[in-house]
Amino acid sequence: MTVSIEEEFARITEHWSPRIIADANGQSVKLAKVKGEFVWHDHAGEDELFFIVKGSLTIRYRDRADAVLKAGDIHVVPRGVEHNPIAEEECWLMLFEPAETRHTGDVDAGLTKSAAEQRAHLQPADD
């Protein structure tokens, strides 16, 4: 399976609406365009890996120093740690998470998209 990251980002029209582009070993590879402030949340059972493709992102923490990320940076938010991503300007992200991970954790926000909604555009793999 080959995926063009540029083409997939071109299809994203909403901020904070992750799009699953691939699955491997129980992990989903997601792309998202983000801008503004997200919601405070955590992921009780899994770490969350952010890879900054374009732009910059600040991940705020309640219990530690904020992480300020730029294009090319990778940052892992440890499981159970409350955080809030913020992008002053549009930022392009790639995320690696277990397939069942809710992108807003246990917070039910207007931005919450189910895994089915995040993967609705995927075509079945060729056999």
N, C-alpha and C. Protein backbone atom coordinates (compact mmCIF):
# COMPACT_ATOMS: atom_id res chain seq x y z
N MET A 1 0.85 -1.19 0.00
CA MET A 1 0.00 0.00 0.00
C MET A 1 0.89 1.24 0.00
N THR A 2 0.65 2.14 -0.91
CA THR A 2 1.39 3.39 -0.99
C THR A 2 0.41 4.54 -0.83
N VAL A 3 0.79 5.50 0.00
CA VAL A 3 -0.06 6.67 0.26
C VAL A 3 0.76 7.92 0.02
N SER A 4 0.19 8.87 -0.72
CA SER A 4 0.83 10.17 -0.91
C SER A 4 0.39 11.10 0.23
N ILE A 5 1.33 11.46 1.08
CA ILE A 5 1.03 12.34 2.21
C ILE A 5 0.49 13.68 1.70
N GLU A 6 1.11 14.24 0.67
CA GLU A 6 0.67 15.52 0.12
C GLU A 6 -0.78 15.44 -0.37
N GLU A 7 -1.10 14.36 -1.11
CA GLU A 7 -2.47 14.20 -1.62
C GLU A 7 -3.46 14.05 -0.48
N GLU A 8 -3.09 13.30 0.55
CA GLU A 8 -4.00 13.11 1.69
C GLU A 8 -4.21 14.42 2.44
N PHE A 9 -3.14 15.20 2.65
CA PHE A 9 -3.32 16.50 3.31
C PHE A 9 -4.20 17.42 2.46
N ALA A 10 -4.09 17.35 1.14
CA ALA A 10 -4.90 18.19 0.26
C ALA A 10 -6.39 17.88 0.41
N ARG A 11 -6.73 16.66 0.81
CA ARG A 11 -8.13 16.27 0.98
C ARG A 11 -8.72 16.72 2.32
N ILE A 12 -7.89 17.09 3.26
CA ILE A 12 -8.37 17.49 4.59
C ILE A 12 -8.86 18.92 4.54
N THR A 13 -10.12 19.12 4.91
CA THR A 13 -10.72 20.45 4.85
C THR A 13 -11.10 21.01 6.21
N GLU A 14 -11.12 20.17 7.25
CA GLU A 14 -11.50 20.62 8.59
C GLU A 14 -10.30 20.53 9.53
N HIS A 15 -10.18 21.51 10.41
CA HIS A 15 -9.16 21.45 11.45
C HIS A 15 -9.62 20.51 12.55
N TRP A 16 -8.66 19.86 13.20
CA TRP A 16 -8.89 18.96 14.33
C TRP A 16 -9.76 17.76 13.96
N SER A 17 -9.74 17.35 12.71
CA SER A 17 -10.53 16.21 12.25
C SER A 17 -9.58 15.16 11.64
N PRO A 18 -9.00 14.29 12.49
CA PRO A 18 -8.01 13.33 12.01
C PRO A 18 -8.57 12.42 10.92
N ARG A 19 -7.66 12.01 10.05
CA ARG A 19 -8.01 11.14 8.93
C ARG A 19 -7.04 9.96 8.97
N ILE A 20 -7.58 8.76 9.13
CA ILE A 20 -6.74 7.57 9.14
C ILE A 20 -6.32 7.28 7.70
N ILE A 21 -5.01 7.15 7.48
CA ILE A 21 -4.52 6.89 6.13
C ILE A 21 -3.95 5.49 5.98
N ALA A 22 -3.67 4.82 7.11
CA ALA A 22 -3.12 3.46 7.05
C ALA A 22 -3.24 2.82 8.43
N ASP A 23 -3.19 1.50 8.43
CA ASP A 23 -3.16 0.72 9.66
C ASP A 23 -2.02 -0.27 9.56
N ALA A 24 -1.31 -0.47 10.67
CA ALA A 24 -0.22 -1.44 10.71
C ALA A 24 -0.08 -1.96 12.13
N ASN A 25 -0.16 -3.26 12.30
CA ASN A 25 0.07 -3.89 13.60
C ASN A 25 -0.80 -3.31 14.71
N GLY A 26 -2.06 -3.07 14.42
CA GLY A 26 -2.97 -2.55 15.44
C GLY A 26 -2.84 -1.06 15.69
N GLN A 27 -1.99 -0.39 14.94
CA GLN A 27 -1.80 1.05 15.07
C GLN A 27 -2.42 1.75 13.86
N SER A 28 -3.01 2.91 14.10
CA SER A 28 -3.50 3.74 13.01
C SER A 28 -2.52 4.87 12.77
N VAL A 29 -2.29 5.16 11.50
CA VAL A 29 -1.50 6.32 11.09
C VAL A 29 -2.53 7.36 10.67
N LYS A 30 -2.50 8.53 11.34
CA LYS A 30 -3.49 9.57 11.10
C LYS A 30 -2.83 10.85 10.67
N LEU A 31 -3.52 11.61 9.83
CA LEU A 31 -3.10 12.96 9.46
C LEU A 31 -4.16 13.92 9.95
N ALA A 32 -3.73 15.11 10.33
CA ALA A 32 -4.68 16.15 10.73
C ALA A 32 -4.07 17.51 10.44
N LYS A 33 -4.95 18.42 10.06
CA LYS A 33 -4.58 19.84 10.00
C LYS A 33 -5.19 20.45 11.26
N VAL A 34 -4.40 21.23 11.97
CA VAL A 34 -4.89 21.82 13.21
C VAL A 34 -4.61 23.32 13.22
N LYS A 35 -5.48 24.04 13.89
CA LYS A 35 -5.29 25.48 14.07
C LYS A 35 -6.14 25.90 15.25
N GLY A 36 -5.57 26.75 16.12
CA GLY A 36 -6.27 27.18 17.31
C GLY A 36 -6.02 26.21 18.45
N GLU A 37 -6.93 26.22 19.40
CA GLU A 37 -6.78 25.40 20.60
C GLU A 37 -7.69 24.18 20.53
N PHE A 38 -7.20 23.02 20.96
CA PHE A 38 -7.99 21.80 20.99
C PHE A 38 -8.72 21.72 22.32
N VAL A 39 -8.73 20.59 22.98
CA VAL A 39 -9.36 20.42 24.30
C VAL A 39 -8.37 19.73 25.22
N TRP A 40 -8.47 20.03 26.52
CA TRP A 40 -7.67 19.30 27.50
C TRP A 40 -8.18 17.87 27.53
N HIS A 41 -7.29 16.90 27.42
CA HIS A 41 -7.67 15.50 27.45
C HIS A 41 -6.45 14.64 27.76
N ASP A 42 -6.69 13.37 28.01
CA ASP A 42 -5.60 12.41 28.14
C ASP A 42 -6.03 11.10 27.49
N HIS A 43 -5.09 10.20 27.40
CA HIS A 43 -5.35 8.86 26.87
C HIS A 43 -4.85 7.89 27.95
N ALA A 44 -5.79 7.36 28.71
CA ALA A 44 -5.45 6.56 29.89
C ALA A 44 -4.60 5.34 29.58
N GLY A 45 -4.85 4.70 28.43
CA GLY A 45 -4.18 3.43 28.16
C GLY A 45 -3.12 3.44 27.10
N GLU A 46 -2.82 4.59 26.51
CA GLU A 46 -1.85 4.58 25.42
C GLU A 46 -1.10 5.91 25.31
N ASP A 47 0.14 5.80 24.83
CA ASP A 47 0.93 6.98 24.52
C ASP A 47 0.41 7.55 23.20
N GLU A 48 0.72 8.82 22.94
CA GLU A 48 0.31 9.46 21.69
C GLU A 48 1.55 10.09 21.05
N LEU A 49 1.85 9.70 19.81
CA LEU A 49 3.02 10.21 19.12
C LEU A 49 2.61 11.24 18.09
N PHE A 50 3.17 12.43 18.20
CA PHE A 50 2.95 13.52 17.25
C PHE A 50 4.20 13.68 16.39
N PHE A 51 4.03 13.74 15.06
CA PHE A 51 5.10 14.07 14.14
C PHE A 51 4.64 15.32 13.39
N ILE A 52 5.41 16.40 13.49
CA ILE A 52 5.04 17.67 12.87
C ILE A 52 5.56 17.67 11.43
N VAL A 53 4.64 17.71 10.48
CA VAL A 53 4.99 17.69 9.07
C VAL A 53 5.22 19.11 8.57
N LYS A 54 4.37 20.05 9.00
CA LYS A 54 4.46 21.43 8.53
C LYS A 54 3.93 22.34 9.64
N GLY A 55 4.60 23.47 9.85
CA GLY A 55 4.15 24.43 10.85
C GLY A 55 4.73 24.14 12.23
N SER A 56 4.04 24.62 13.25
CA SER A 56 4.50 24.41 14.62
C SER A 56 3.30 24.16 15.53
N LEU A 57 3.56 23.52 16.65
CA LEU A 57 2.53 23.13 17.59
C LEU A 57 3.08 23.22 19.00
N THR A 58 2.27 23.74 19.91
CA THR A 58 2.61 23.71 21.32
C THR A 58 1.69 22.72 22.01
N ILE A 59 2.28 21.83 22.79
CA ILE A 59 1.48 20.91 23.59
C ILE A 59 1.60 21.38 25.03
N ARG A 60 0.49 21.86 25.56
CA ARG A 60 0.46 22.34 26.94
C ARG A 60 0.24 21.17 27.88
N TYR A 61 0.90 21.25 29.02
CA TYR A 61 0.74 20.26 30.07
C TYR A 61 0.38 20.98 31.36
N ARG A 62 -0.37 20.32 32.21
CA ARG A 62 -0.69 20.89 33.52
C ARG A 62 0.43 20.65 34.52
N ASP A 63 1.19 19.57 34.34
CA ASP A 63 2.14 19.15 35.36
C ASP A 63 3.61 19.20 34.93
N ARG A 64 3.89 19.81 33.79
CA ARG A 64 5.27 19.89 33.30
C ARG A 64 5.37 21.02 32.28
N ALA A 65 6.58 21.28 31.82
CA ALA A 65 6.79 22.35 30.85
C ALA A 65 6.13 22.01 29.52
N ASP A 66 5.62 23.03 28.85
CA ASP A 66 5.03 22.85 27.53
C ASP A 66 6.08 22.34 26.55
N ALA A 67 5.63 21.60 25.54
CA ALA A 67 6.51 21.16 24.45
C ALA A 67 6.20 22.03 23.24
N VAL A 68 7.22 22.69 22.70
CA VAL A 68 7.06 23.53 21.51
C VAL A 68 7.73 22.79 20.36
N LEU A 69 6.92 22.43 19.36
CA LEU A 69 7.39 21.57 18.28
C LEU A 69 7.38 22.30 16.95
N LYS A 70 8.32 21.96 16.09
CA LYS A 70 8.39 22.54 14.75
C LYS A 70 8.46 21.41 13.73
N ALA A 71 8.34 21.74 12.45
CA ALA A 71 8.38 20.75 11.39
C ALA A 71 9.59 19.83 11.54
N GLY A 72 9.34 18.54 11.46
CA GLY A 72 10.39 17.55 11.60
C GLY A 72 10.51 16.97 12.99
N ASP A 73 9.87 17.60 13.98
CA ASP A 73 9.94 17.12 15.37
C ASP A 73 8.95 16.00 15.63
N ILE A 74 9.33 15.11 16.52
CA ILE A 74 8.46 14.06 17.06
C ILE A 74 8.39 14.27 18.56
N HIS A 75 7.18 14.10 19.09
CA HIS A 75 6.97 14.23 20.53
C HIS A 75 5.98 13.17 20.98
N VAL A 76 6.29 12.51 22.09
CA VAL A 76 5.40 11.49 22.63
C VAL A 76 4.78 12.02 23.92
N VAL A 77 3.45 12.01 23.97
CA VAL A 77 2.72 12.34 25.19
C VAL A 77 2.49 11.01 25.91
N PRO A 78 3.02 10.87 27.13
CA PRO A 78 2.85 9.61 27.85
C PRO A 78 1.39 9.34 28.21
N ARG A 79 1.04 8.07 28.25
CA ARG A 79 -0.32 7.67 28.61
C ARG A 79 -0.72 8.28 29.95
N GLY A 80 -1.97 8.69 30.04
CA GLY A 80 -2.51 9.22 31.28
C GLY A 80 -2.14 10.66 31.59
N VAL A 81 -1.36 11.32 30.74
CA VAL A 81 -0.92 12.69 31.00
C VAL A 81 -1.85 13.66 30.27
N GLU A 82 -2.47 14.55 31.04
CA GLU A 82 -3.39 15.53 30.45
C GLU A 82 -2.60 16.55 29.63
N HIS A 83 -3.12 16.85 28.45
CA HIS A 83 -2.44 17.77 27.54
C HIS A 83 -3.45 18.50 26.67
N ASN A 84 -3.00 19.59 26.07
CA ASN A 84 -3.86 20.39 25.19
C ASN A 84 -3.01 20.95 24.06
N PRO A 85 -3.17 20.43 22.83
CA PRO A 85 -2.42 20.96 21.69
C PRO A 85 -2.97 22.31 21.22
N ILE A 86 -2.06 23.19 20.84
CA ILE A 86 -2.43 24.52 20.36
C ILE A 86 -1.53 24.88 19.17
N ALA A 87 -2.16 25.38 18.10
CA ALA A 87 -1.41 25.83 16.92
C ALA A 87 -1.86 27.25 16.59
N GLU A 88 -0.94 28.19 16.69
CA GLU A 88 -1.26 29.59 16.37
C GLU A 88 -1.62 29.74 14.89
N GLU A 89 -0.88 29.05 14.03
CA GLU A 89 -1.12 29.01 12.59
C GLU A 89 -1.39 27.57 12.21
N GLU A 90 -1.91 27.34 11.01
CA GLU A 90 -2.20 25.96 10.61
C GLU A 90 -0.94 25.10 10.69
N CYS A 91 -1.12 23.93 11.25
CA CYS A 91 -0.05 22.95 11.42
C CYS A 91 -0.54 21.62 10.87
N TRP A 92 0.36 20.89 10.22
CA TRP A 92 0.04 19.56 9.69
C TRP A 92 0.71 18.52 10.58
N LEU A 93 -0.08 17.57 11.05
CA LEU A 93 0.40 16.54 11.97
C LEU A 93 0.25 15.15 11.38
N MET A 94 1.14 14.26 11.77
CA MET A 94 0.96 12.83 11.59
C MET A 94 0.96 12.25 13.00
N LEU A 95 -0.01 11.39 13.28
CA LEU A 95 -0.16 10.77 14.59
C LEU A 95 -0.09 9.26 14.44
N PHE A 96 0.49 8.60 15.42
CA PHE A 96 0.54 7.14 15.47
C PHE A 96 -0.10 6.72 16.77
N GLU A 97 -1.20 5.96 16.67
CA GLU A 97 -1.96 5.59 17.86
C GLU A 97 -2.59 4.22 17.67
N PRO A 98 -2.86 3.50 18.77
CA PRO A 98 -3.64 2.27 18.63
C PRO A 98 -4.97 2.58 17.94
N ALA A 99 -5.44 1.66 17.12
CA ALA A 99 -6.64 1.89 16.32
C ALA A 99 -7.84 2.34 17.14
N GLU A 100 -7.96 1.87 18.37
CA GLU A 100 -9.14 2.21 19.18
C GLU A 100 -9.03 3.55 19.91
N THR A 101 -7.92 4.25 19.79
CA THR A 101 -7.73 5.52 20.50
C THR A 101 -8.71 6.58 20.03
N ARG A 102 -9.41 7.19 20.99
CA ARG A 102 -10.27 8.34 20.70
C ARG A 102 -9.39 9.58 20.75
N HIS A 103 -9.43 10.41 19.73
CA HIS A 103 -8.49 11.54 19.67
C HIS A 103 -8.77 12.60 20.71
N THR A 104 -9.93 12.57 21.35
CA THR A 104 -10.21 13.49 22.46
C THR A 104 -10.23 12.76 23.80
N GLY A 105 -9.64 11.56 23.85
CA GLY A 105 -9.63 10.79 25.08
C GLY A 105 -11.05 10.52 25.55
N ASP A 106 -11.30 10.68 26.86
CA ASP A 106 -12.64 10.46 27.41
C ASP A 106 -13.50 11.72 27.36
N VAL A 107 -12.95 12.81 26.84
CA VAL A 107 -13.70 14.06 26.73
C VAL A 107 -14.62 13.96 25.52
N ASP A 108 -15.90 14.23 25.74
CA ASP A 108 -16.85 14.22 24.62
C ASP A 108 -17.02 15.66 24.15
N ALA A 109 -16.26 16.02 23.14
CA ALA A 109 -16.24 17.40 22.64
C ALA A 109 -16.89 17.46 21.27
N GLY A 110 -17.29 18.62 20.86
CA GLY A 110 -17.86 18.80 19.54
C GLY A 110 -16.89 18.42 18.44
N LEU A 111 -15.61 18.35 18.76
CA LEU A 111 -14.58 17.99 17.79
C LEU A 111 -14.36 16.49 17.67
N THR A 112 -14.96 15.70 18.57
CA THR A 112 -14.72 14.27 18.60
C THR A 112 -15.21 13.59 17.33
N LYS A 113 -14.34 12.80 16.73
CA LYS A 113 -14.67 12.00 15.54
C LYS A 113 -14.40 10.54 15.89
N SER A 114 -15.36 9.68 15.60
CA SER A 114 -15.17 8.25 15.86
C SER A 114 -14.12 7.69 14.90
N ALA A 115 -13.61 6.51 15.24
CA ALA A 115 -12.65 5.85 14.33
C ALA A 115 -13.29 5.61 12.98
N ALA A 116 -14.58 5.24 12.98
CA ALA A 116 -15.28 5.01 11.70
C ALA A 116 -15.32 6.29 10.87
N GLU A 117 -15.56 7.43 11.50
CA GLU A 117 -15.58 8.70 10.77
C GLU A 117 -14.18 9.05 10.25
N GLN A 118 -13.15 8.70 11.02
CA GLN A 118 -11.78 9.01 10.63
C GLN A 118 -11.30 8.14 9.47
N ARG A 119 -11.93 6.98 9.29
CA ARG A 119 -11.49 6.07 8.24
C ARG A 119 -12.52 5.92 7.13
N ALA A 120 -13.59 6.67 7.13
CA ALA A 120 -14.68 6.51 6.17
C ALA A 120 -14.21 6.62 4.71
N HIS A 121 -13.16 7.37 4.45
CA HIS A 121 -12.67 7.57 3.08
C HIS A 121 -11.79 6.44 2.58
N LEU A 122 -11.33 5.54 3.47
CA LEU A 122 -10.39 4.48 3.07
C LEU A 122 -11.05 3.47 2.17
N GLN A 123 -10.33 3.04 1.18
CA GLN A 123 -10.79 1.97 0.29
C GLN A 123 -10.29 0.64 0.85
N PRO A 124 -11.04 -0.45 0.67
CA PRO A 124 -10.55 -1.75 1.14
C PRO A 124 -9.21 -2.07 0.45
N ALA A 125 -8.33 -2.72 1.20
CA ALA A 125 -7.03 -3.09 0.64
C ALA A 125 -7.20 -4.12 -0.47
N ASP A 126 -6.35 -4.03 -1.48
CA ASP A 126 -6.36 -5.02 -2.56
C ASP A 126 -5.81 -6.34 -2.04
N ASP A 127 -6.40 -7.44 -2.46
CA ASP A 127 -5.90 -8.77 -2.06
C ASP A 127 -4.91 -9.29 -3.06
